[in-house]
Amino acid sequence: MVYKKLINQSGLTLTVLLITLVGSEPNQSVPTVTAALPVGDKQTIEYGNAQNPLNGLVISSSSGAFSTGSQIVTTRGSSWDTVLNTHDTLTFSGAGGLNVVGSNT
């Protein structure tokens, strides 16, 4: 298993679904892992494995600020793929947590 630290700086309680791949092609996703992130929360989430990297995120809020936003990798090596798969930490900020930045801690 591999781990990703999630940090919620959005000002809203978020639900984040981590979508993983089967192998390396973006068109073969597997079941997701769900994390509930209260405002200001930091959590380390276990998902997939090194051979099955992240393929995307679905972010939602129950506050009524928005219903759902998603970002999915369509090409290996793209900037979004790099954010998801070369960083151990994802920070959610901005309107509804839809601004996602990767970093290594």
Protein backbone atom coordinates (compact mmCIF):
# COMPACT_ATOMS: atom_id res chain seq x y z
CA MET A 1 0.00 0.00 0.00
CA VAL A 2 0.98 3.61 -0.48
CA TYR A 3 -0.03 6.69 1.47
CA LYS A 4 -1.02 10.27 0.71
CA LYS A 5 -1.28 13.06 3.28
CA LEU A 6 -4.35 15.24 2.70
CA ILE A 7 -4.60 18.77 4.13
CA ASN A 8 -7.84 20.76 4.06
CA GLN A 9 -7.26 24.53 3.92
CA SER A 10 -10.49 25.24 2.02
CA GLY A 11 -12.65 26.50 4.87
CA LEU A 12 -15.25 23.79 4.14
CA THR A 13 -15.65 20.19 5.28
CA LEU A 14 -14.68 18.06 2.27
CA THR A 15 -15.19 14.50 1.13
CA VAL A 16 -12.34 13.39 -1.12
CA LEU A 17 -12.46 10.22 -3.24
CA LEU A 18 -9.04 9.00 -4.37
CA ILE A 19 -9.32 7.12 -7.67
CA THR A 20 -6.53 4.65 -8.46
CA LEU A 21 -5.44 2.90 -11.63
CA VAL A 22 -5.01 -0.70 -12.66
CA GLY A 23 -1.50 -0.54 -14.15
CA SER A 24 -0.32 2.62 -15.85
CA GLU A 25 -3.07 3.51 -18.33
CA PRO A 26 -5.55 6.26 -17.36
CA ASN A 27 -8.55 4.41 -18.81
CA GLN A 28 -8.46 1.58 -16.25
CA SER A 29 -9.54 2.89 -12.85
CA VAL A 30 -10.29 0.75 -9.81
CA PRO A 31 -12.48 1.36 -6.74
CA THR A 32 -11.87 4.51 -4.78
CA VAL A 33 -10.85 5.30 -1.22
CA THR A 34 -12.92 7.96 0.56
CA ALA A 35 -11.64 10.47 3.10
CA ALA A 36 -13.76 12.89 5.13
CA LEU A 37 -11.74 16.07 5.80
CA PRO A 38 -13.12 18.55 8.33
CA VAL A 39 -11.99 22.18 8.04
CA GLY A 40 -8.26 22.46 8.87
CA ASP A 41 -7.84 18.67 9.11
CA LYS A 42 -4.75 16.69 8.09
CA GLN A 43 -5.04 12.95 7.42
CA THR A 44 -2.79 10.27 5.99
CA ILE A 45 -4.79 7.97 3.71
CA GLU A 46 -3.79 4.50 2.51
CA TYR A 47 -4.66 3.64 -1.10
CA GLY A 48 -3.57 1.37 -3.98
CA ASN A 49 0.09 0.47 -4.40
CA ALA A 50 3.17 1.69 -6.27
CA GLN A 51 2.07 -0.13 -9.44
CA ASN A 52 -1.42 1.41 -9.31
CA PRO A 53 -0.97 5.18 -8.89
CA LEU A 54 -3.65 7.80 -8.39
CA ASN A 55 -5.76 8.60 -11.43
CA GLY A 56 -7.85 11.42 -10.04
CA LEU A 57 -9.88 12.99 -7.28
CA VAL A 58 -13.54 13.70 -6.74
CA ILE A 59 -14.09 16.47 -4.21
CA SER A 60 -17.45 17.30 -2.65
CA SER A 61 -18.83 19.34 0.22
CA SER A 62 -22.02 18.87 2.19
CA SER A 63 -22.12 22.54 3.14
CA GLY A 64 -24.10 23.46 0.05
CA ALA A 65 -21.22 25.56 -1.31
CA PHE A 66 -20.94 23.14 -4.24
CA SER A 67 -21.91 19.57 -4.95
CA THR A 68 -18.96 17.88 -6.66
CA GLY A 69 -15.80 18.68 -8.57
CA SER A 70 -13.47 16.16 -10.14
CA GLN A 71 -10.09 16.10 -11.82
CA ILE A 72 -9.00 12.97 -13.67
CA VAL A 73 -5.66 12.16 -15.32
CA THR A 74 -6.06 11.67 -19.07
CA THR A 75 -2.37 11.38 -19.99
CA ARG A 76 0.51 9.86 -18.03
CA GLY A 77 3.18 12.50 -17.40
CA SER A 78 0.69 15.39 -17.57
CA SER A 79 0.88 18.19 -15.00
CA TRP A 80 -2.10 16.72 -13.07
CA ASP A 81 -0.50 13.26 -13.08
CA THR A 82 2.66 14.88 -11.70
CA VAL A 83 0.72 16.61 -8.89
CA LEU A 84 -0.96 13.36 -7.88
CA ASN A 85 1.91 10.92 -8.26
CA THR A 86 5.19 12.68 -7.47
CA HIS A 87 4.11 14.26 -4.17
CA ASP A 88 3.31 12.67 -0.83
CA THR A 89 1.01 15.52 0.29
CA LEU A 90 -2.04 17.09 -1.36
CA THR A 91 -3.34 20.41 0.00
CA PHE A 92 -6.91 21.50 -0.80
CA SER A 93 -7.67 25.24 -0.78
CA GLY A 94 -9.72 27.82 -2.62
CA ALA A 95 -13.41 27.66 -3.45
CA GLY A 96 -14.59 24.27 -2.25
CA GLY A 97 -11.07 22.84 -2.04
CA LEU A 98 -10.86 22.58 -5.82
CA ASN A 99 -7.39 24.15 -5.86
CA VAL A 100 -5.11 21.17 -5.23
CA VAL A 101 -1.36 21.56 -4.75
CA GLY A 102 1.15 18.75 -4.32
CA SER A 103 4.22 18.88 -2.10
CA ASN A 104 6.67 16.56 -0.41
CA THR A 105 7.01 16.65 3.35
